[in-house]
Amino acid sequence: MFRPTGLAPQTHRPILFLDFDGVLHPNWVYCEEGRPVIKEDPIDGTLGELFMWVHHLDAALKDYPEVRIILSTSWVKGYGFERTKAYLPESLQLRVIGGTWDPSFNKREYDKKTRCQEIVACVVRERLERWCAVDDDVWDWSPKYKEHLVATDSRKGLGDPAALARLGELLTAMVV
């Protein structure tokens, strides 16, 4: 896991692995001229906004100040850790302790990993005990780890009440 300078391992803290696309906004985001741009939904033509559901995550975490965030979004690889973190509101930025992508990794090997594999590798490496992941990239998620997953619909993200309810269940289970 990429950990900014000065941060110690957080093995006992509850950790939330956070994807952006399909979680905090619809999954139709592309890089244009070095910045993220949301496109029309290919099914119904609607146009969302970047981070349109981030307030749902912020509200869900409000009662869980001990939860820390590890960014598991491809944005870290594309835009860098600090820039990616800066897209979040300050209340969430303060919780971010690292990312699953580390610039020292072999990019070709890393790109072969599924999202589940990248998160589980971090869990094992960092010896994390209490964790969950919020992601829409779930087609290849190992059944062994599904109990840790908040699976979001790429079009609804955390705007979906069912995903928020699942997040609430996992947060409660992690901090008990």
N, C-alpha and C. Protein backbone atom coordinates (compact mmCIF):
# COMPACT_ATOMS: atom_id res chain seq x y z
N MET A 1 0.85 -1.18 0.00
CA MET A 1 0.00 0.00 0.00
C MET A 1 0.87 1.22 0.00
N PHE A 2 0.53 2.18 -0.79
CA PHE A 2 1.21 3.46 -0.77
C PHE A 2 0.73 4.21 0.47
N ARG A 3 1.67 4.62 1.29
CA ARG A 3 1.34 5.34 2.51
C ARG A 3 2.11 6.65 2.49
N PRO A 4 1.43 7.79 2.58
CA PRO A 4 2.16 9.06 2.61
C PRO A 4 3.17 9.06 3.76
N THR A 5 4.24 9.79 3.58
CA THR A 5 5.31 9.86 4.58
C THR A 5 4.77 10.18 5.96
N GLY A 6 5.27 9.43 6.94
CA GLY A 6 4.92 9.71 8.32
C GLY A 6 3.73 8.95 8.86
N LEU A 7 3.02 8.23 8.03
CA LEU A 7 1.87 7.48 8.52
C LEU A 7 2.30 6.08 8.93
N ALA A 8 1.88 5.69 10.09
CA ALA A 8 2.18 4.35 10.59
C ALA A 8 1.12 3.37 10.12
N PRO A 9 1.42 2.09 10.12
CA PRO A 9 0.40 1.10 9.77
C PRO A 9 -0.84 1.24 10.66
N GLN A 10 -1.97 0.93 10.11
CA GLN A 10 -3.25 1.10 10.80
C GLN A 10 -3.94 -0.25 10.96
N THR A 11 -3.21 -1.28 11.36
CA THR A 11 -3.75 -2.63 11.34
C THR A 11 -5.00 -2.83 12.18
N HIS A 12 -5.14 -2.09 13.27
CA HIS A 12 -6.28 -2.29 14.16
C HIS A 12 -7.45 -1.36 13.86
N ARG A 13 -7.21 -0.34 13.09
CA ARG A 13 -8.29 0.59 12.74
C ARG A 13 -9.19 -0.02 11.68
N PRO A 14 -10.48 0.32 11.72
CA PRO A 14 -11.34 -0.12 10.61
C PRO A 14 -10.99 0.67 9.35
N ILE A 15 -10.90 -0.04 8.24
CA ILE A 15 -10.47 0.55 6.97
C ILE A 15 -11.58 0.39 5.93
N LEU A 16 -11.81 1.46 5.18
CA LEU A 16 -12.74 1.44 4.06
C LEU A 16 -11.94 1.65 2.78
N PHE A 17 -11.97 0.66 1.88
CA PHE A 17 -11.36 0.79 0.57
C PHE A 17 -12.36 1.48 -0.33
N LEU A 18 -11.95 2.58 -0.95
CA LEU A 18 -12.88 3.43 -1.69
C LEU A 18 -12.53 3.57 -3.16
N ASP A 19 -13.46 3.17 -3.99
CA ASP A 19 -13.40 3.44 -5.42
C ASP A 19 -14.17 4.74 -5.65
N PHE A 20 -13.94 5.41 -6.77
CA PHE A 20 -14.67 6.64 -7.08
C PHE A 20 -15.76 6.40 -8.13
N ASP A 21 -15.34 5.92 -9.32
CA ASP A 21 -16.28 5.77 -10.43
C ASP A 21 -17.27 4.64 -10.16
N GLY A 22 -18.54 4.96 -10.27
CA GLY A 22 -19.58 3.98 -9.97
C GLY A 22 -19.91 3.90 -8.49
N VAL A 23 -19.25 4.73 -7.69
CA VAL A 23 -19.49 4.78 -6.25
C VAL A 23 -19.87 6.20 -5.83
N LEU A 24 -19.00 7.16 -6.12
CA LEU A 24 -19.25 8.56 -5.73
C LEU A 24 -19.92 9.36 -6.84
N HIS A 25 -19.95 8.80 -8.02
CA HIS A 25 -20.64 9.36 -9.20
C HIS A 25 -20.80 8.22 -10.20
N PRO A 26 -21.63 8.42 -11.24
CA PRO A 26 -21.78 7.34 -12.23
C PRO A 26 -20.43 6.95 -12.85
N ASN A 27 -20.37 5.78 -13.41
CA ASN A 27 -19.11 5.21 -13.89
C ASN A 27 -18.68 5.72 -15.26
N TRP A 28 -19.25 6.74 -15.77
CA TRP A 28 -18.94 7.20 -17.13
C TRP A 28 -17.95 8.36 -17.08
N VAL A 29 -16.80 8.15 -16.45
CA VAL A 29 -15.80 9.21 -16.29
C VAL A 29 -14.57 8.88 -17.13
N TYR A 30 -14.08 9.89 -17.83
CA TYR A 30 -12.92 9.72 -18.69
C TYR A 30 -11.96 10.88 -18.45
N CYS A 31 -10.71 10.65 -18.77
CA CYS A 31 -9.71 11.70 -18.64
C CYS A 31 -9.62 12.46 -19.96
N GLU A 32 -9.83 13.77 -19.89
CA GLU A 32 -9.69 14.62 -21.06
C GLU A 32 -8.81 15.80 -20.69
N GLU A 33 -7.74 15.97 -21.45
CA GLU A 33 -6.79 17.05 -21.20
C GLU A 33 -6.30 17.06 -19.75
N GLY A 34 -6.07 15.85 -19.23
CA GLY A 34 -5.49 15.71 -17.90
C GLY A 34 -6.44 15.90 -16.73
N ARG A 35 -7.74 15.91 -17.02
CA ARG A 35 -8.69 16.06 -15.91
C ARG A 35 -9.89 15.13 -16.13
N PRO A 36 -10.54 14.74 -15.02
CA PRO A 36 -11.70 13.85 -15.15
C PRO A 36 -12.93 14.60 -15.66
N VAL A 37 -13.63 13.96 -16.57
CA VAL A 37 -14.85 14.52 -17.14
C VAL A 37 -15.91 13.43 -17.15
N ILE A 38 -17.11 13.75 -16.70
CA ILE A 38 -18.19 12.77 -16.72
C ILE A 38 -18.94 12.88 -18.04
N LYS A 39 -19.24 11.73 -18.61
CA LYS A 39 -19.95 11.67 -19.89
C LYS A 39 -21.40 11.27 -19.66
N GLU A 40 -22.19 11.31 -20.72
CA GLU A 40 -23.59 10.89 -20.65
C GLU A 40 -23.68 9.40 -20.39
N ASP A 41 -24.69 9.01 -19.65
CA ASP A 41 -24.98 7.60 -19.42
C ASP A 41 -25.27 6.98 -20.78
N PRO A 42 -24.55 5.92 -21.15
CA PRO A 42 -24.77 5.32 -22.48
C PRO A 42 -26.13 4.67 -22.65
N ILE A 43 -26.85 4.43 -21.58
CA ILE A 43 -28.15 3.78 -21.67
C ILE A 43 -29.28 4.80 -21.82
N ASP A 44 -29.29 5.79 -20.93
CA ASP A 44 -30.43 6.73 -20.97
C ASP A 44 -30.03 8.17 -21.30
N GLY A 45 -28.74 8.42 -21.52
CA GLY A 45 -28.30 9.75 -21.94
C GLY A 45 -28.25 10.80 -20.84
N THR A 46 -28.53 10.42 -19.59
CA THR A 46 -28.47 11.40 -18.50
C THR A 46 -27.02 11.77 -18.21
N LEU A 47 -26.85 12.94 -17.68
CA LEU A 47 -25.52 13.43 -17.35
C LEU A 47 -25.46 13.70 -15.86
N GLY A 48 -24.63 12.97 -15.18
CA GLY A 48 -24.44 13.18 -13.75
C GLY A 48 -23.39 14.23 -13.50
N GLU A 49 -22.96 14.33 -12.25
CA GLU A 49 -21.90 15.26 -11.88
C GLU A 49 -20.83 14.50 -11.12
N LEU A 50 -19.60 14.92 -11.27
CA LEU A 50 -18.52 14.31 -10.51
C LEU A 50 -18.82 14.46 -9.02
N PHE A 51 -18.67 13.40 -8.27
CA PHE A 51 -18.82 13.36 -6.82
C PHE A 51 -20.21 13.74 -6.33
N MET A 52 -21.20 13.45 -7.15
CA MET A 52 -22.58 13.81 -6.81
C MET A 52 -23.13 13.03 -5.62
N TRP A 53 -22.49 11.91 -5.24
CA TRP A 53 -22.96 11.13 -4.10
C TRP A 53 -21.97 11.13 -2.94
N VAL A 54 -20.94 11.95 -3.00
CA VAL A 54 -19.92 11.95 -1.94
C VAL A 54 -20.51 12.33 -0.59
N HIS A 55 -21.54 13.16 -0.59
CA HIS A 55 -22.16 13.57 0.68
C HIS A 55 -22.79 12.37 1.40
N HIS A 56 -23.22 11.35 0.65
CA HIS A 56 -23.76 10.14 1.28
C HIS A 56 -22.67 9.40 2.05
N LEU A 57 -21.48 9.33 1.48
CA LEU A 57 -20.36 8.68 2.17
C LEU A 57 -19.97 9.48 3.40
N ASP A 58 -19.88 10.77 3.25
CA ASP A 58 -19.52 11.64 4.37
C ASP A 58 -20.52 11.46 5.52
N ALA A 59 -21.80 11.44 5.20
CA ALA A 59 -22.83 11.27 6.23
C ALA A 59 -22.76 9.88 6.87
N ALA A 60 -22.51 8.85 6.05
CA ALA A 60 -22.43 7.48 6.59
C ALA A 60 -21.27 7.33 7.56
N LEU A 61 -20.19 8.03 7.31
CA LEU A 61 -19.00 7.92 8.16
C LEU A 61 -19.03 8.82 9.39
N LYS A 62 -19.98 9.72 9.43
CA LYS A 62 -20.04 10.71 10.50
C LYS A 62 -19.99 10.10 11.91
N ASP A 63 -20.70 9.01 12.11
CA ASP A 63 -20.75 8.36 13.43
C ASP A 63 -19.61 7.36 13.66
N TYR A 64 -18.68 7.30 12.72
CA TYR A 64 -17.57 6.35 12.81
C TYR A 64 -16.22 7.07 12.62
N PRO A 65 -15.85 7.92 13.56
CA PRO A 65 -14.62 8.72 13.37
C PRO A 65 -13.35 7.90 13.29
N GLU A 66 -13.37 6.67 13.77
CA GLU A 66 -12.18 5.83 13.75
C GLU A 66 -11.90 5.19 12.38
N VAL A 67 -12.86 5.21 11.47
CA VAL A 67 -12.68 4.59 10.15
C VAL A 67 -11.74 5.44 9.30
N ARG A 68 -10.77 4.76 8.70
CA ARG A 68 -9.83 5.40 7.78
C ARG A 68 -10.08 4.87 6.38
N ILE A 69 -9.63 5.62 5.38
CA ILE A 69 -9.88 5.31 3.97
C ILE A 69 -8.57 5.00 3.25
N ILE A 70 -8.60 3.94 2.46
CA ILE A 70 -7.54 3.63 1.51
C ILE A 70 -8.16 3.74 0.13
N LEU A 71 -7.58 4.56 -0.71
CA LEU A 71 -8.12 4.77 -2.05
C LEU A 71 -7.79 3.57 -2.93
N SER A 72 -8.84 2.94 -3.46
CA SER A 72 -8.68 1.79 -4.35
C SER A 72 -9.17 2.14 -5.75
N THR A 73 -9.15 3.40 -6.07
CA THR A 73 -9.59 3.89 -7.36
C THR A 73 -8.41 3.98 -8.33
N SER A 74 -8.69 3.75 -9.60
CA SER A 74 -7.65 3.88 -10.64
C SER A 74 -7.18 5.32 -10.78
N TRP A 75 -7.90 6.25 -10.19
CA TRP A 75 -7.49 7.65 -10.25
C TRP A 75 -6.10 7.85 -9.64
N VAL A 76 -5.76 7.09 -8.60
CA VAL A 76 -4.46 7.25 -7.95
C VAL A 76 -3.34 6.97 -8.94
N LYS A 77 -3.50 5.93 -9.73
CA LYS A 77 -2.49 5.59 -10.73
C LYS A 77 -2.45 6.66 -11.83
N GLY A 78 -3.61 7.18 -12.21
CA GLY A 78 -3.68 8.14 -13.30
C GLY A 78 -3.35 9.58 -12.93
N TYR A 79 -3.79 10.00 -11.75
CA TYR A 79 -3.62 11.41 -11.35
C TYR A 79 -2.63 11.60 -10.21
N GLY A 80 -2.23 10.52 -9.57
CA GLY A 80 -1.35 10.62 -8.41
C GLY A 80 -2.17 10.65 -7.12
N PHE A 81 -1.53 10.25 -6.04
CA PHE A 81 -2.22 10.13 -4.76
C PHE A 81 -2.75 11.46 -4.25
N GLU A 82 -1.90 12.46 -4.16
CA GLU A 82 -2.31 13.75 -3.56
C GLU A 82 -3.42 14.42 -4.38
N ARG A 83 -3.28 14.40 -5.68
CA ARG A 83 -4.31 15.03 -6.53
C ARG A 83 -5.64 14.29 -6.40
N THR A 84 -5.59 12.95 -6.37
CA THR A 84 -6.81 12.17 -6.23
C THR A 84 -7.48 12.46 -4.89
N LYS A 85 -6.71 12.45 -3.84
CA LYS A 85 -7.24 12.73 -2.50
C LYS A 85 -7.88 14.12 -2.45
N ALA A 86 -7.29 15.07 -3.15
CA ALA A 86 -7.78 16.45 -3.12
C ALA A 86 -9.17 16.61 -3.74
N TYR A 87 -9.63 15.65 -4.52
CA TYR A 87 -10.98 15.72 -5.08
C TYR A 87 -12.05 15.48 -4.02
N LEU A 88 -11.68 14.88 -2.91
CA LEU A 88 -12.63 14.60 -1.83
C LEU A 88 -12.81 15.82 -0.95
N PRO A 89 -13.97 15.94 -0.28
CA PRO A 89 -14.12 17.03 0.68
C PRO A 89 -13.12 16.84 1.82
N GLU A 90 -12.77 17.92 2.48
CA GLU A 90 -11.74 17.88 3.53
C GLU A 90 -12.06 16.86 4.62
N SER A 91 -13.34 16.73 4.98
CA SER A 91 -13.72 15.78 6.02
C SER A 91 -13.31 14.35 5.66
N LEU A 92 -13.33 14.01 4.38
CA LEU A 92 -12.92 12.69 3.95
C LEU A 92 -11.41 12.63 3.71
N GLN A 93 -10.83 13.72 3.21
CA GLN A 93 -9.38 13.76 3.00
C GLN A 93 -8.63 13.44 4.30
N LEU A 94 -9.16 13.92 5.41
CA LEU A 94 -8.51 13.71 6.70
C LEU A 94 -8.48 12.24 7.11
N ARG A 95 -9.36 11.44 6.52
CA ARG A 95 -9.43 10.01 6.83
C ARG A 95 -8.53 9.16 5.93
N VAL A 96 -8.10 9.71 4.80
CA VAL A 96 -7.34 8.95 3.81
C VAL A 96 -5.91 8.71 4.31
N ILE A 97 -5.53 7.43 4.38
CA ILE A 97 -4.19 7.08 4.86
C ILE A 97 -3.30 6.48 3.78
N GLY A 98 -3.86 6.21 2.60
CA GLY A 98 -3.05 5.65 1.54
C GLY A 98 -3.87 5.18 0.37
N GLY A 99 -3.21 4.45 -0.52
CA GLY A 99 -3.87 3.92 -1.69
C GLY A 99 -3.36 2.53 -2.00
N THR A 100 -4.14 1.76 -2.73
CA THR A 100 -3.70 0.41 -3.09
C THR A 100 -2.64 0.46 -4.18
N TRP A 101 -2.62 1.50 -4.97
CA TRP A 101 -1.59 1.66 -6.01
C TRP A 101 -0.38 2.34 -5.38
N ASP A 102 0.77 1.79 -5.67
CA ASP A 102 2.04 2.35 -5.20
C ASP A 102 2.91 2.58 -6.43
N PRO A 103 3.47 3.78 -6.58
CA PRO A 103 4.29 4.06 -7.77
C PRO A 103 5.48 3.10 -7.93
N SER A 104 5.88 2.42 -6.87
CA SER A 104 7.00 1.48 -6.98
C SER A 104 6.57 0.14 -7.58
N PHE A 105 5.27 -0.10 -7.72
CA PHE A 105 4.78 -1.36 -8.28
C PHE A 105 5.11 -1.47 -9.76
N ASN A 106 5.21 -2.69 -10.24
CA ASN A 106 5.35 -2.96 -11.65
C ASN A 106 3.97 -2.73 -12.27
N LYS A 107 3.85 -1.70 -13.07
CA LYS A 107 2.54 -1.32 -13.62
C LYS A 107 1.90 -2.45 -14.43
N ARG A 108 2.69 -3.14 -15.23
CA ARG A 108 2.15 -4.21 -16.06
C ARG A 108 1.58 -5.33 -15.20
N GLU A 109 2.29 -5.71 -14.14
CA GLU A 109 1.80 -6.76 -13.25
C GLU A 109 0.58 -6.29 -12.47
N TYR A 110 0.61 -5.05 -12.00
CA TYR A 110 -0.50 -4.50 -11.23
C TYR A 110 -1.78 -4.47 -12.07
N ASP A 111 -1.63 -4.09 -13.34
CA ASP A 111 -2.80 -3.98 -14.22
C ASP A 111 -3.47 -5.32 -14.47
N LYS A 112 -2.79 -6.43 -14.22
CA LYS A 112 -3.37 -7.76 -14.39
C LYS A 112 -4.26 -8.15 -13.22
N LYS A 113 -4.12 -7.44 -12.11
CA LYS A 113 -4.90 -7.79 -10.91
C LYS A 113 -6.33 -7.30 -11.02
N THR A 114 -7.24 -8.09 -10.46
CA THR A 114 -8.62 -7.63 -10.34
C THR A 114 -8.67 -6.67 -9.15
N ARG A 115 -9.74 -5.94 -9.03
CA ARG A 115 -9.88 -5.03 -7.90
C ARG A 115 -9.86 -5.81 -6.59
N CYS A 116 -10.53 -6.95 -6.56
CA CYS A 116 -10.52 -7.78 -5.37
C CYS A 116 -9.09 -8.19 -5.02
N GLN A 117 -8.32 -8.63 -6.01
CA GLN A 117 -6.94 -9.06 -5.76
C GLN A 117 -6.09 -7.91 -5.24
N GLU A 118 -6.28 -6.72 -5.79
CA GLU A 118 -5.48 -5.58 -5.35
C GLU A 118 -5.82 -5.21 -3.90
N ILE A 119 -7.09 -5.26 -3.54
CA ILE A 119 -7.50 -4.94 -2.17
C ILE A 119 -7.03 -6.03 -1.20
N VAL A 120 -7.25 -7.28 -1.55
CA VAL A 120 -6.84 -8.37 -0.67
C VAL A 120 -5.32 -8.38 -0.48
N ALA A 121 -4.58 -8.07 -1.53
CA ALA A 121 -3.11 -7.99 -1.40
C ALA A 121 -2.74 -6.93 -0.36
N CYS A 122 -3.44 -5.81 -0.37
CA CYS A 122 -3.19 -4.76 0.62
C CYS A 122 -3.59 -5.23 2.02
N VAL A 123 -4.73 -5.89 2.13
CA VAL A 123 -5.20 -6.40 3.41
C VAL A 123 -4.16 -7.34 4.02
N VAL A 124 -3.64 -8.24 3.19
CA VAL A 124 -2.65 -9.21 3.67
C VAL A 124 -1.33 -8.51 4.01
N ARG A 125 -0.84 -7.67 3.12
CA ARG A 125 0.43 -6.97 3.31
C ARG A 125 0.41 -6.13 4.58
N GLU A 126 -0.70 -5.44 4.80
CA GLU A 126 -0.81 -4.51 5.94
C GLU A 126 -1.40 -5.18 7.19
N ARG A 127 -1.77 -6.47 7.05
CA ARG A 127 -2.35 -7.24 8.16
C ARG A 127 -3.59 -6.55 8.73
N LEU A 128 -4.45 -6.10 7.83
CA LEU A 128 -5.66 -5.41 8.25
C LEU A 128 -6.65 -6.41 8.83
N GLU A 129 -7.25 -6.04 9.93
CA GLU A 129 -8.17 -6.94 10.62
C GLU A 129 -9.64 -6.60 10.37
N ARG A 130 -9.93 -5.32 10.25
CA ARG A 130 -11.32 -4.88 10.06
C ARG A 130 -11.36 -3.98 8.82
N TRP A 131 -12.07 -4.44 7.79
CA TRP A 131 -12.09 -3.67 6.56
C TRP A 131 -13.35 -3.96 5.76
N CYS A 132 -13.67 -3.01 4.89
CA CYS A 132 -14.72 -3.21 3.89
C CYS A 132 -14.31 -2.44 2.65
N ALA A 133 -14.94 -2.76 1.54
CA ALA A 133 -14.65 -2.10 0.26
C ALA A 133 -15.96 -1.66 -0.37
N VAL A 134 -15.95 -0.47 -0.94
CA VAL A 134 -17.12 0.04 -1.66
C VAL A 134 -16.69 0.17 -3.11
N ASP A 135 -17.35 -0.60 -3.98
CA ASP A 135 -16.88 -0.68 -5.36
C ASP A 135 -18.00 -1.16 -6.28
N ASP A 136 -17.95 -0.73 -7.53
CA ASP A 136 -18.89 -1.24 -8.54
C ASP A 136 -18.24 -2.31 -9.41
N ASP A 137 -16.94 -2.49 -9.28
CA ASP A 137 -16.21 -3.50 -10.05
C ASP A 137 -16.24 -4.80 -9.27
N VAL A 138 -17.35 -5.53 -9.39
CA VAL A 138 -17.58 -6.69 -8.53
C VAL A 138 -17.71 -8.01 -9.28
N TRP A 139 -17.60 -8.01 -10.57
CA TRP A 139 -17.83 -9.23 -11.36
C TRP A 139 -16.85 -10.33 -10.99
N ASP A 140 -15.67 -9.97 -10.53
CA ASP A 140 -14.64 -10.97 -10.25
C ASP A 140 -14.31 -11.05 -8.76
N TRP A 141 -15.20 -10.56 -7.93
CA TRP A 141 -14.95 -10.53 -6.50
C TRP A 141 -15.04 -11.95 -5.94
N SER A 142 -14.01 -12.37 -5.24
CA SER A 142 -13.95 -13.72 -4.69
C SER A 142 -15.06 -13.92 -3.65
N PRO A 143 -15.79 -15.04 -3.72
CA PRO A 143 -16.83 -15.33 -2.72
C PRO A 143 -16.29 -15.31 -1.30
N LYS A 144 -15.03 -15.64 -1.15
CA LYS A 144 -14.38 -15.66 0.17
C LYS A 144 -14.39 -14.28 0.84
N TYR A 145 -14.41 -13.22 0.02
CA TYR A 145 -14.31 -11.86 0.56
C TYR A 145 -15.58 -11.02 0.37
N LYS A 146 -16.63 -11.59 -0.18
CA LYS A 146 -17.85 -10.81 -0.45
C LYS A 146 -18.50 -10.25 0.80
N GLU A 147 -18.24 -10.87 1.95
CA GLU A 147 -18.80 -10.35 3.20
C GLU A 147 -18.25 -8.96 3.53
N HIS A 148 -17.15 -8.57 2.89
CA HIS A 148 -16.52 -7.27 3.12
C HIS A 148 -16.93 -6.22 2.08
N LEU A 149 -17.77 -6.60 1.14
CA LEU A 149 -18.05 -5.77 -0.02
C LEU A 149 -19.40 -5.05 0.03
N VAL A 150 -19.34 -3.76 -0.28
CA VAL A 150 -20.54 -2.99 -0.60
C VAL A 150 -20.52 -2.86 -2.12
N ALA A 151 -21.31 -3.66 -2.79
CA ALA A 151 -21.35 -3.66 -4.25
C ALA A 151 -22.33 -2.58 -4.71
N THR A 152 -21.83 -1.65 -5.49
CA THR A 152 -22.69 -0.58 -5.98
C THR A 152 -23.01 -0.80 -7.46
N ASP A 153 -24.14 -0.29 -7.86
CA ASP A 153 -24.55 -0.27 -9.26
C ASP A 153 -23.80 0.90 -9.92
N SER A 154 -23.18 0.66 -11.06
CA SER A 154 -22.38 1.68 -11.74
C SER A 154 -23.15 2.95 -12.06
N ARG A 155 -24.45 2.84 -12.18
CA ARG A 155 -25.28 4.00 -12.52
C ARG A 155 -25.83 4.72 -11.30
N LYS A 156 -25.85 4.02 -10.13
CA LYS A 156 -26.47 4.59 -8.93
C LYS A 156 -25.48 4.87 -7.81
N GLY A 157 -24.38 4.14 -7.77
CA GLY A 157 -23.37 4.34 -6.73
C GLY A 157 -23.97 4.40 -5.34
N LEU A 158 -23.44 5.31 -4.52
CA LEU A 158 -23.97 5.48 -3.17
C LEU A 158 -25.25 6.31 -3.14
N GLY A 159 -25.79 6.60 -4.33
CA GLY A 159 -27.11 7.20 -4.41
C GLY A 159 -28.21 6.16 -4.26
N ASP A 160 -27.82 4.91 -4.21
CA ASP A 160 -28.75 3.80 -4.07
C ASP A 160 -28.95 3.49 -2.59
N PRO A 161 -30.19 3.58 -2.08
CA PRO A 161 -30.45 3.30 -0.67
C PRO A 161 -29.99 1.91 -0.21
N ALA A 162 -30.05 0.91 -1.11
CA ALA A 162 -29.60 -0.43 -0.74
C ALA A 162 -28.09 -0.46 -0.48
N ALA A 163 -27.33 0.24 -1.30
CA ALA A 163 -25.87 0.31 -1.10
C ALA A 163 -25.55 1.04 0.20
N LEU A 164 -26.28 2.10 0.48
CA LEU A 164 -26.05 2.84 1.73
C LEU A 164 -26.39 1.98 2.95
N ALA A 165 -27.46 1.21 2.85
CA ALA A 165 -27.84 0.33 3.96
C ALA A 165 -26.75 -0.72 4.19
N ARG A 166 -26.23 -1.29 3.12
CA ARG A 166 -25.15 -2.28 3.24
C ARG A 166 -23.90 -1.63 3.85
N LEU A 167 -23.58 -0.44 3.43
CA LEU A 167 -22.44 0.28 3.99
C LEU A 167 -22.63 0.48 5.49
N GLY A 168 -23.82 0.88 5.89
CA GLY A 168 -24.11 1.06 7.31
C GLY A 168 -23.93 -0.23 8.10
N GLU A 169 -24.38 -1.35 7.53
CA GLU A 169 -24.21 -2.65 8.19
C GLU A 169 -22.74 -2.98 8.40
N LEU A 170 -21.93 -2.78 7.34
CA LEU A 170 -20.52 -3.13 7.45
C LEU A 170 -19.75 -2.18 8.36
N LEU A 171 -20.09 -0.91 8.35
CA LEU A 171 -19.44 0.03 9.26
C LEU A 171 -19.73 -0.35 10.71
N THR A 172 -20.99 -0.65 10.99
CA THR A 172 -21.38 -1.04 12.36
C THR A 172 -20.64 -2.31 12.78
N ALA A 173 -20.57 -3.29 11.88
CA ALA A 173 -19.88 -4.54 12.21
C ALA A 173 -18.39 -4.33 12.44
N MET A 174 -17.78 -3.37 11.72
CA MET A 174 -16.35 -3.14 11.86
C MET A 174 -15.96 -2.45 13.16
N VAL A 175 -16.85 -1.61 13.68
CA VAL A 175 -16.46 -0.82 14.86
C VAL A 175 -16.97 -1.40 16.17
N VAL A 176 -17.75 -2.45 16.11
CA VAL A 176 -18.27 -3.06 17.34
C VAL A 176 -17.15 -3.74 18.10
